[in-house]
Structures are given as structure tokens and as C-alpha cells.
PDB file of N, CA and C in Angstrom:
ATOM      1  N   GLU A   1      18.055  -1.282  19.542  1.00  0.00           N
ATOM      2  CA  GLU A   1      18.022  -0.895  18.135  1.00  0.00           C
ATOM      3  C   GLU A   1      17.357  -2.005  17.332  1.00  0.00           C
ATOM      4  N   ASP A   2      16.477  -1.628  16.470  1.00  0.00           N
ATOM      5  CA  ASP A   2      15.774  -2.623  15.654  1.00  0.00           C
ATOM      6  C   ASP A   2      16.204  -2.570  14.191  1.00  0.00           C
ATOM      7  N   ASN A   3      17.292  -1.887  13.895  1.00  0.00           N
ATOM      8  CA  ASN A   3      17.841  -1.809  12.531  1.00  0.00           C
ATOM      9  C   ASN A   3      16.867  -1.236  11.513  1.00  0.00           C
ATOM     10  N   GLY A   4      15.933  -0.446  11.973  1.00  0.00           N
ATOM     11  CA  GLY A   4      15.012   0.221  11.058  1.00  0.00           C
ATOM     12  C   GLY A   4      13.734  -0.526  10.762  1.00  0.00           C
ATOM     13  N   GLU A   5      13.565  -1.712  11.330  1.00  0.00           N
ATOM     14  CA  GLU A   5      12.362  -2.493  11.028  1.00  0.00           C
ATOM     15  C   GLU A   5      11.084  -1.773  11.444  1.00  0.00           C
ATOM     16  N   MET A   6      11.099  -1.165  12.618  1.00  0.00           N
ATOM     17  CA  MET A   6       9.889  -0.475  13.083  1.00  0.00           C
ATOM     18  C   MET A   6       9.579   0.744  12.220  1.00  0.00           C
ATOM     19  N   GLY A   7      10.614   1.463  11.811  1.00  0.00           N
ATOM     20  CA  GLY A   7      10.408   2.622  10.948  1.00  0.00           C
ATOM     21  C   GLY A   7       9.833   2.219   9.603  1.00  0.00           C
ATOM     22  N   SER A   8      10.372   1.153   9.022  1.00  0.00           N
ATOM     23  CA  SER A   8       9.868   0.716   7.718  1.00  0.00           C
ATOM     24  C   SER A   8       8.455   0.156   7.851  1.00  0.00           C
ATOM     25  N   TRP A   9       8.177  -0.545   8.957  1.00  0.00           N
ATOM     26  CA  TRP A   9       6.821  -1.041   9.179  1.00  0.00           C
ATOM     27  C   TRP A   9       5.844   0.134   9.244  1.00  0.00           C
ATOM     28  N   TYR A  10       6.212   1.193   9.966  1.00  0.00           N
ATOM     29  CA  TYR A  10       5.321   2.346  10.103  1.00  0.00           C
ATOM     30  C   TYR A  10       5.049   3.005   8.753  1.00  0.00           C
ATOM     31  N   VAL A  11       6.086   3.167   7.945  1.00  0.00           N
ATOM     32  CA  VAL A  11       5.907   3.795   6.629  1.00  0.00           C
ATOM     33  C   VAL A  11       4.980   2.951   5.773  1.00  0.00           C
ATOM     34  N   LEU A  12       5.226   1.640   5.709  1.00  0.00           N
ATOM     35  CA  LEU A  12       4.363   0.767   4.906  1.00  0.00           C
ATOM     36  C   LEU A  12       2.928   0.765   5.435  1.00  0.00           C
ATOM     37  N   ALA A  13       2.768   0.704   6.744  1.00  0.00           N
ATOM     38  CA  ALA A  13       1.422   0.713   7.329  1.00  0.00           C
ATOM     39  C   ALA A  13       0.705   2.021   7.011  1.00  0.00           C
ATOM     40  N   SER A  14       1.425   3.123   7.013  1.00  0.00           N
ATOM     41  CA  SER A  14       0.825   4.419   6.666  1.00  0.00           C
ATOM     42  C   SER A  14       0.368   4.461   5.222  1.00  0.00           C
ATOM     43  N   LEU A  15       0.983   3.626   4.380  1.00  0.00           N
ATOM     44  CA  LEU A  15       0.593   3.540   2.970  1.00  0.00           C
ATOM     45  C   LEU A  15      -0.510   2.503   2.740  1.00  0.00           C
ATOM     46  N   GLY A  16      -0.907   1.800   3.806  1.00  0.00           N
ATOM     47  CA  GLY A  16      -1.954   0.787   3.685  1.00  0.00           C
ATOM     48  C   GLY A  16      -1.426  -0.573   3.282  1.00  0.00           C
ATOM     49  N   LEU A  17      -0.122  -0.796   3.420  1.00  0.00           N
ATOM     50  CA  LEU A  17       0.503  -2.056   3.017  1.00  0.00           C
ATOM     51  C   LEU A  17       1.106  -2.750   4.226  1.00  0.00           C
ATOM     52  N   TYR A  18       1.128  -4.081   4.184  1.00  0.00           N
ATOM     53  CA  TYR A  18       1.752  -4.856   5.245  1.00  0.00           C
ATOM     54  C   TYR A  18       2.560  -5.967   4.595  1.00  0.00           C
ATOM     55  N   ALA A  19       3.858  -5.979   4.844  1.00  0.00           N
ATOM     56  CA  ALA A  19       4.724  -7.023   4.282  1.00  0.00           C
ATOM     57  C   ALA A  19       4.455  -8.332   5.014  1.00  0.00           C
ATOM     58  N   THR A  20       4.078  -9.370   4.282  1.00  0.00           N
ATOM     59  CA  THR A  20       3.711 -10.639   4.912  1.00  0.00           C
ATOM     60  C   THR A  20       4.910 -11.345   5.530  1.00  0.00           C
ATOM     61  N   ALA A  21       6.011 -11.401   4.825  1.00  0.00           N
ATOM     62  CA  ALA A  21       7.222 -12.073   5.328  1.00  0.00           C
ATOM     63  C   ALA A  21       8.428 -11.370   4.707  1.00  0.00           C
ATOM     64  N   PRO A  22       8.867 -10.262   5.294  1.00  0.00           N
ATOM     65  CA  PRO A  22       9.983  -9.504   4.726  1.00  0.00           C
ATOM     66  C   PRO A  22      11.211 -10.385   4.477  1.00  0.00           C
ATOM     67  N   GLY A  23      11.753 -10.256   3.281  1.00  0.00           N
ATOM     68  CA  GLY A  23      12.928 -11.041   2.916  1.00  0.00           C
ATOM     69  C   GLY A  23      12.602 -12.422   2.390  1.00  0.00           C
ATOM     70  N   VAL A  24      11.357 -12.853   2.547  1.00  0.00           N
ATOM     71  CA  VAL A  24      10.965 -14.191   2.108  1.00  0.00           C
ATOM     72  C   VAL A  24       9.934 -14.116   0.989  1.00  0.00           C
ATOM     73  N   SER A  25       8.954 -13.235   1.159  1.00  0.00           N
ATOM     74  CA  SER A  25       7.872 -13.085   0.189  1.00  0.00           C
ATOM     75  C   SER A  25       7.840 -11.654  -0.310  1.00  0.00           C
ATOM     76  N   GLU A  26       7.464 -11.485  -1.574  1.00  0.00           N
ATOM     77  CA  GLU A  26       7.347 -10.130  -2.110  1.00  0.00           C
ATOM     78  C   GLU A  26       5.921  -9.591  -2.012  1.00  0.00           C
ATOM     79  N   ASP A  27       5.039 -10.343  -1.346  1.00  0.00           N
ATOM     80  CA  ASP A  27       3.641  -9.946  -1.257  1.00  0.00           C
ATOM     81  C   ASP A  27       3.401  -8.930  -0.148  1.00  0.00           C
ATOM     82  N   TYR A  28       2.521  -7.983  -0.432  1.00  0.00           N
ATOM     83  CA  TYR A  28       2.067  -7.005   0.534  1.00  0.00           C
ATOM     84  C   TYR A  28       0.570  -7.174   0.713  1.00  0.00           C
ATOM     85  N   VAL A  29       0.126  -7.274   1.952  1.00  0.00           N
ATOM     86  CA  VAL A  29      -1.296  -7.388   2.255  1.00  0.00           C
ATOM     87  C   VAL A  29      -1.910  -5.994   2.179  1.00  0.00           C
ATOM     88  N   LEU A  30      -3.039  -5.908   1.508  1.00  0.00           N
ATOM     89  CA  LEU A  30      -3.799  -4.659   1.419  1.00  0.00           C
ATOM     90  C   LEU A  30      -4.768  -4.662   2.592  1.00  0.00           C
ATOM     91  N   ALA A  31      -4.262  -4.316   3.774  1.00  0.00           N
ATOM     92  CA  ALA A  31      -5.005  -4.567   5.000  1.00  0.00           C
ATOM     93  C   ALA A  31      -5.606  -3.350   5.668  1.00  0.00           C
ATOM     94  N   THR A  32      -5.034  -2.200   5.461  1.00  0.00           N
ATOM     95  CA  THR A  32      -5.502  -1.036   6.207  1.00  0.00           C
ATOM     96  C   THR A  32      -5.729   0.142   5.276  1.00  0.00           C
ATOM     97  N   MET A  33      -6.476   1.096   5.778  1.00  0.00           N
ATOM     98  CA  MET A  33      -6.695   2.336   5.042  1.00  0.00           C
ATOM     99  C   MET A  33      -5.421   3.179   5.117  1.00  0.00           C
ATOM    100  N   PRO A  34      -4.903   3.625   3.985  1.00  0.00           N
ATOM    101  CA  PRO A  34      -3.754   4.533   4.043  1.00  0.00           C
ATOM    102  C   PRO A  34      -4.096   5.782   4.857  1.00  0.00           C
ATOM    103  N   GLN A  35      -3.092   6.372   5.476  1.00  0.00           N
ATOM    104  CA  GLN A  35      -3.321   7.563   6.297  1.00  0.00           C
ATOM    105  C   GLN A  35      -3.447   8.834   5.474  1.00  0.00           C
ATOM    106  N   PHE A  36      -3.110   8.768   4.215  1.00  0.00           N
ATOM    107  CA  PHE A  36      -3.079   9.962   3.381  1.00  0.00           C
ATOM    108  C   PHE A  36      -4.002   9.783   2.179  1.00  0.00           C
ATOM    109  N   PRO A  37      -4.676  10.843   1.746  1.00  0.00           N
ATOM    110  CA  PRO A  37      -5.567  10.735   0.582  1.00  0.00           C
ATOM    111  C   PRO A  37      -4.822  10.389  -0.716  1.00  0.00           C
ATOM    112  N   ARG A  38      -3.567  10.857  -0.834  1.00  0.00           N
ATOM    113  CA  ARG A  38      -2.806  10.580  -2.063  1.00  0.00           C
ATOM    114  C   ARG A  38      -1.319  10.651  -1.753  1.00  0.00           C
ATOM    115  N   VAL A  39      -0.594   9.621  -2.199  1.00  0.00           N
ATOM    116  CA  VAL A  39       0.848   9.568  -2.025  1.00  0.00           C
ATOM    117  C   VAL A  39       1.468   9.175  -3.356  1.00  0.00           C
ATOM    118  N   HIS A  40       2.540   9.855  -3.731  1.00  0.00           N
ATOM    119  CA  HIS A  40       3.278   9.503  -4.942  1.00  0.00           C
ATOM    120  C   HIS A  40       4.668   9.055  -4.527  1.00  0.00           C
ATOM    121  N   LEU A  41       4.993   7.802  -4.816  1.00  0.00           N
ATOM    122  CA  LEU A  41       6.332   7.272  -4.545  1.00  0.00           C
ATOM    123  C   LEU A  41       7.144   7.446  -5.821  1.00  0.00           C
ATOM    124  N   LYS A  42       7.960   8.490  -5.845  1.00  0.00           N
ATOM    125  CA  LYS A  42       8.677   8.874  -7.058  1.00  0.00           C
ATOM    126  C   LYS A  42       9.535   7.762  -7.631  1.00  0.00           C
ATOM    127  N   GLU A  43      10.309   7.106  -6.785  1.00  0.00           N
ATOM    128  CA  GLU A  43      11.250   6.090  -7.266  1.00  0.00           C
ATOM    129  C   GLU A  43      10.543   4.965  -8.029  1.00  0.00           C
ATOM    130  N   LEU A  44       9.334   4.626  -7.594  1.00  0.00           N
ATOM    131  CA  LEU A  44       8.566   3.568  -8.249  1.00  0.00           C
ATOM    132  C   LEU A  44       7.559   4.114  -9.257  1.00  0.00           C
ATOM    133  N   ASP A  45       7.377   5.420  -9.286  1.00  0.00           N
ATOM    134  CA  ASP A  45       6.320   6.061 -10.069  1.00  0.00           C
ATOM    135  C   ASP A  45       4.975   5.410  -9.748  1.00  0.00           C
ATOM    136  N   LEU A  46       4.748   5.241  -8.451  1.00  0.00           N
ATOM    137  CA  LEU A  46       3.546   4.601  -7.937  1.00  0.00           C
ATOM    138  C   LEU A  46       2.720   5.629  -7.179  1.00  0.00           C
ATOM    139  N   VAL A  47       1.435   5.690  -7.489  1.00  0.00           N
ATOM    140  CA  VAL A  47       0.516   6.573  -6.782  1.00  0.00           C
ATOM    141  C   VAL A  47      -0.452   5.699  -5.995  1.00  0.00           C
ATOM    142  N   ILE A  48      -0.576   5.986  -4.701  1.00  0.00           N
ATOM    143  CA  ILE A  48      -1.555   5.302  -3.857  1.00  0.00           C
ATOM    144  C   ILE A  48      -2.593   6.347  -3.482  1.00  0.00           C
ATOM    145  N   GLU A  49      -3.836   6.092  -3.888  1.00  0.00           N
ATOM    146  CA  GLU A  49      -4.917   7.041  -3.630  1.00  0.00           C
ATOM    147  C   GLU A  49      -5.954   6.405  -2.715  1.00  0.00           C
ATOM    148  N   ALA A  50      -6.336   7.150  -1.702  1.00  0.00           N
ATOM    149  CA  ALA A  50      -7.371   6.713  -0.768  1.00  0.00           C
ATOM    150  C   ALA A  50      -8.150   7.935  -0.316  1.00  0.00           C
ATOM    151  N   PRO A  51      -9.005   8.463  -1.194  1.00  0.00           N
ATOM    152  CA  PRO A  51      -9.737   9.688  -0.858  1.00  0.00           C
ATOM    153  C   PRO A  51     -10.532   9.591   0.441  1.00  0.00           C
ATOM    154  N   ALA A  52     -11.017   8.405   0.777  1.00  0.00           N
ATOM    155  CA  ALA A  52     -11.827   8.240   1.986  1.00  0.00           C
ATOM    156  C   ALA A  52     -11.002   8.379   3.263  1.00  0.00           C
ATOM    157  N   SER A  53      -9.681   8.339   3.157  1.00  0.00           N
ATOM    158  CA  SER A  53      -8.860   8.417   4.369  1.00  0.00           C
ATOM    159  C   SER A  53      -9.011   9.760   5.078  1.00  0.00           C
ATOM    160  N   ALA A  54      -9.467  10.768   4.370  1.00  0.00           N
ATOM    161  CA  ALA A  54      -9.666  12.091   4.970  1.00  0.00           C
ATOM    162  C   ALA A  54     -10.996  12.202   5.714  1.00  0.00           C
ATOM    163  N   SER A  55     -11.862  11.211   5.564  1.00  0.00           N
ATOM    164  CA  SER A  55     -13.177  11.291   6.224  1.00  0.00           C
ATOM    165  C   SER A  55     -13.073  10.873   7.692  1.00  0.00           C
ATOM    166  N   ALA A  56     -14.111  11.176   8.443  1.00  0.00           N
ATOM    167  CA  ALA A  56     -14.139  10.846   9.871  1.00  0.00           C
ATOM    168  C   ALA A  56     -14.203   9.331  10.092  1.00  0.00           C
ATOM    169  N   SER A  57     -14.855   8.609   9.183  1.00  0.00           N
ATOM    170  CA  SER A  57     -14.975   7.152   9.279  1.00  0.00           C
ATOM    171  C   SER A  57     -14.492   6.517   7.982  1.00  0.00           C
ATOM    172  N   PRO A  58     -13.184   6.437   7.797  1.00  0.00           N
ATOM    173  CA  PRO A  58     -12.674   5.908   6.528  1.00  0.00           C
ATOM    174  C   PRO A  58     -13.024   4.432   6.336  1.00  0.00           C
ATOM    175  N   LEU A  59     -13.413   4.113   5.123  1.00  0.00           N
ATOM    176  CA  LEU A  59     -13.791   2.754   4.775  1.00  0.00           C
ATOM    177  C   LEU A  59     -13.563   2.567   3.286  1.00  0.00           C
ATOM    178  N   PHE A  60     -13.041   1.414   2.917  1.00  0.00           N
ATOM    179  CA  PHE A  60     -12.958   1.134   1.488  1.00  0.00           C
ATOM    180  C   PHE A  60     -13.695  -0.158   1.187  1.00  0.00           C
ATOM    181  N   THR A  61     -14.308  -0.194   0.021  1.00  0.00           N
ATOM    182  CA  THR A  61     -15.086  -1.363  -0.378  1.00  0.00           C
ATOM    183  C   THR A  61     -14.487  -2.057  -1.580  1.00  0.00           C
ATOM    184  N   GLU A  62     -13.514  -1.400  -2.200  1.00  0.00           N
ATOM    185  CA  GLU A  62     -12.934  -1.959  -3.416  1.00  0.00           C
ATOM    186  C   GLU A  62     -11.510  -1.432  -3.568  1.00  0.00           C
ATOM    187  N   VAL A  63     -10.654  -2.275  -4.137  1.00  0.00           N
ATOM    188  CA  VAL A  63      -9.276  -1.881  -4.439  1.00  0.00           C
ATOM    189  C   VAL A  63      -9.108  -1.922  -5.947  1.00  0.00           C
ATOM    190  N   LEU A  64      -8.566  -0.847  -6.494  1.00  0.00           N
ATOM    191  CA  LEU A  64      -8.308  -0.787  -7.928  1.00  0.00           C
ATOM    192  C   LEU A  64      -6.802  -0.731  -8.173  1.00  0.00           C
ATOM    193  N   TRP A  65      -6.348  -1.507  -9.135  1.00  0.00           N
ATOM    194  CA  TRP A  65      -4.961  -1.463  -9.579  1.00  0.00           C
ATOM    195  C   TRP A  65      -4.994  -1.161 -11.077  1.00  0.00           C
ATOM    196  N   GLN A  66      -4.379  -0.047 -11.450  1.00  0.00           N
ATOM    197  CA  GLN A  66      -4.379   0.389 -12.851  1.00  0.00           C
ATOM    198  C   GLN A  66      -5.817   0.562 -13.353  1.00  0.00           C
ATOM    199  N   SER A  67      -6.676   1.110 -12.516  1.00  0.00           N
ATOM    200  CA  SER A  67      -8.085   1.409 -12.809  1.00  0.00           C
ATOM    201  C   SER A  67      -8.961   0.176 -12.988  1.00  0.00           C
ATOM    202  N   ARG A  68      -8.464  -0.992 -12.605  1.00  0.00           N
ATOM    203  CA  ARG A  68      -9.250  -2.224 -12.695  1.00  0.00           C
ATOM    204  C   ARG A  68      -9.370  -2.854 -11.311  1.00  0.00           C
ATOM    205  N   PRO A  69     -10.492  -3.493 -11.023  1.00  0.00           N
ATOM    206  CA  PRO A  69     -10.662  -4.125  -9.710  1.00  0.00           C
ATOM    207  C   PRO A  69      -9.569  -5.158  -9.429  1.00  0.00           C
ATOM    208  N   TRP A  70      -9.035  -5.109  -8.220  1.00  0.00           N
ATOM    209  CA  TRP A  70      -8.036  -6.074  -7.768  1.00  0.00           C
ATOM    210  C   TRP A  70      -8.737  -6.975  -6.768  1.00  0.00           C
ATOM    211  N   SER A  71      -8.796  -8.265  -7.052  1.00  0.00           N
ATOM    212  CA  SER A  71      -9.593  -9.172  -6.219  1.00  0.00           C
ATOM    213  C   SER A  71      -8.809  -9.815  -5.083  1.00  0.00           C
ATOM    214  N   GLY A  72      -7.507  -9.808  -5.151  1.00  0.00           N
ATOM    215  CA  GLY A  72      -6.718 -10.465  -4.114  1.00  0.00           C
ATOM    216  C   GLY A  72      -6.552  -9.634  -2.862  1.00  0.00           C
ATOM    217  N   ALA A  73      -6.156 -10.312  -1.793  1.00  0.00           N
ATOM    218  CA  ALA A  73      -5.880  -9.623  -0.531  1.00  0.00           C
ATOM    219  C   ALA A  73      -4.434  -9.150  -0.467  1.00  0.00           C
ATOM    220  N   THR A  74      -3.611  -9.636  -1.407  1.00  0.00           N
ATOM    221  CA  THR A  74      -2.210  -9.220  -1.458  1.00  0.00           C
ATOM    222  C   THR A  74      -1.878  -8.729  -2.861  1.00  0.00           C
ATOM    223  N   ILE A  75      -0.807  -7.954  -2.944  1.00  0.00           N
ATOM    224  CA  ILE A  75      -0.301  -7.499  -4.235  1.00  0.00           C
ATOM    225  C   ILE A  75       1.217  -7.654  -4.197  1.00  0.00           C
ATOM    226  N   PRO A  76       1.809  -8.219  -5.252  1.00  0.00           N
ATOM    227  CA  PRO A  76       3.252  -8.431  -5.228  1.00  0.00           C
ATOM    228  C   PRO A  76       4.041  -7.150  -5.499  1.00  0.00           C
ATOM    229  N   TYR A  77       5.213  -7.080  -4.903  1.00  0.00           N
ATOM    230  CA  TYR A  77       6.088  -5.942  -5.133  1.00  0.00           C
ATOM    231  C   TYR A  77       6.436  -5.812  -6.618  1.00  0.00           C
ATOM    232  N   SER A  78       6.540  -6.936  -7.314  1.00  0.00           N
ATOM    233  CA  SER A  78       6.876  -6.883  -8.735  1.00  0.00           C
ATOM    234  C   SER A  78       5.836  -6.097  -9.521  1.00  0.00           C
ATOM    235  N   ALA A  79       4.587  -6.123  -9.108  1.00  0.00           N
ATOM    236  CA  ALA A  79       3.547  -5.331  -9.760  1.00  0.00           C
ATOM    237  C   ALA A  79       3.696  -3.854  -9.383  1.00  0.00           C
ATOM    238  N   LEU A  80       3.865  -3.591  -8.087  1.00  0.00           N
ATOM    239  CA  LEU A  80       4.001  -2.203  -7.634  1.00  0.00           C
ATOM    240  C   LEU A  80       5.233  -1.534  -8.225  1.00  0.00           C
ATOM    241  N   SER A  81       6.307  -2.292  -8.398  1.00  0.00           N
ATOM    242  CA  SER A  81       7.556  -1.716  -8.893  1.00  0.00           C
ATOM    243  C   SER A  81       7.487  -1.304 -10.356  1.00  0.00           C
ATOM    244  N   GLN A  82       6.449  -1.729 -11.055  1.00  0.00           N
ATOM    245  CA  GLN A  82       6.259  -1.327 -12.455  1.00  0.00           C
ATOM    246  C   GLN A  82       5.642   0.057 -12.567  1.00  0.00           C
ATOM    247  N   GLY A  83       5.205   0.595 -11.425  1.00  0.00           N
ATOM    248  CA  GLY A  83       4.551   1.906 -11.424  1.00  0.00           C
ATOM    249  C   GLY A  83       3.086   1.778 -11.742  1.00  0.00           C
ATOM    250  N   GLY A  84       2.354   2.816 -11.450  1.00  0.00           N
ATOM    251  CA  GLY A  84       0.920   2.818 -11.731  1.00  0.00           C
ATOM    252  C   GLY A  84       0.148   3.444 -10.593  1.00  0.00           C
ATOM    253  N   ALA A  85      -1.115   3.054 -10.520  1.00  0.00           N
ATOM    254  CA  ALA A  85      -2.013   3.639  -9.513  1.00  0.00           C
ATOM    255  C   ALA A  85      -2.718   2.540  -8.741  1.00  0.00           C
ATOM    256  N   LEU A  86      -2.737   2.687  -7.429  1.00  0.00           N
ATOM    257  CA  LEU A  86      -3.407   1.742  -6.541  1.00  0.00           C
ATOM    258  C   LEU A  86      -4.443   2.525  -5.754  1.00  0.00           C
TER     259      LEU A  86
END
């Protein structure tokens, strides 16, 4: 039994997020293409959009947070928890 760690890792990875150090850091690496074109996380009022994920060769060249370019490789949970669009 892994106490749910593998399940939570899979869910986050499917959303295109990777927790750098669970329990230590609130940062999530924007490392992979989400598996779904659009996901709405109701509790956070957060929408993650990746229209290219439906294509045969998904690729992203830019990350937008609240319709503005996000230059970092990580995004803090404190930002995501405020709701918005990624």
C-alpha cells in the first residue's frame, strides 16, 4: 500500500503538474502536456486548458496564467488555489 501517493501522482500528472517535494514545497512543475483538452477543478475554481492535447503530436510552446505569459517552470499552489485559468 502506498497510502494514495501513486494515485495522486497520476491525477496530477494527467493535469500536466508535478509536485516537486510534496509536503515540503508548494511548487508544481509545469512539465508535461495535460491528457485532457480542458479540465475544471471545481473546489479551486481552476480551469486547465490544453487544446493541443487532443492532437496526434501534442506540443506546447507557451504557458498562460490568467491570460498572461507565465515564464517560470513552476507555479505555486497558492496561485492555483486562487482560481483562474492555466
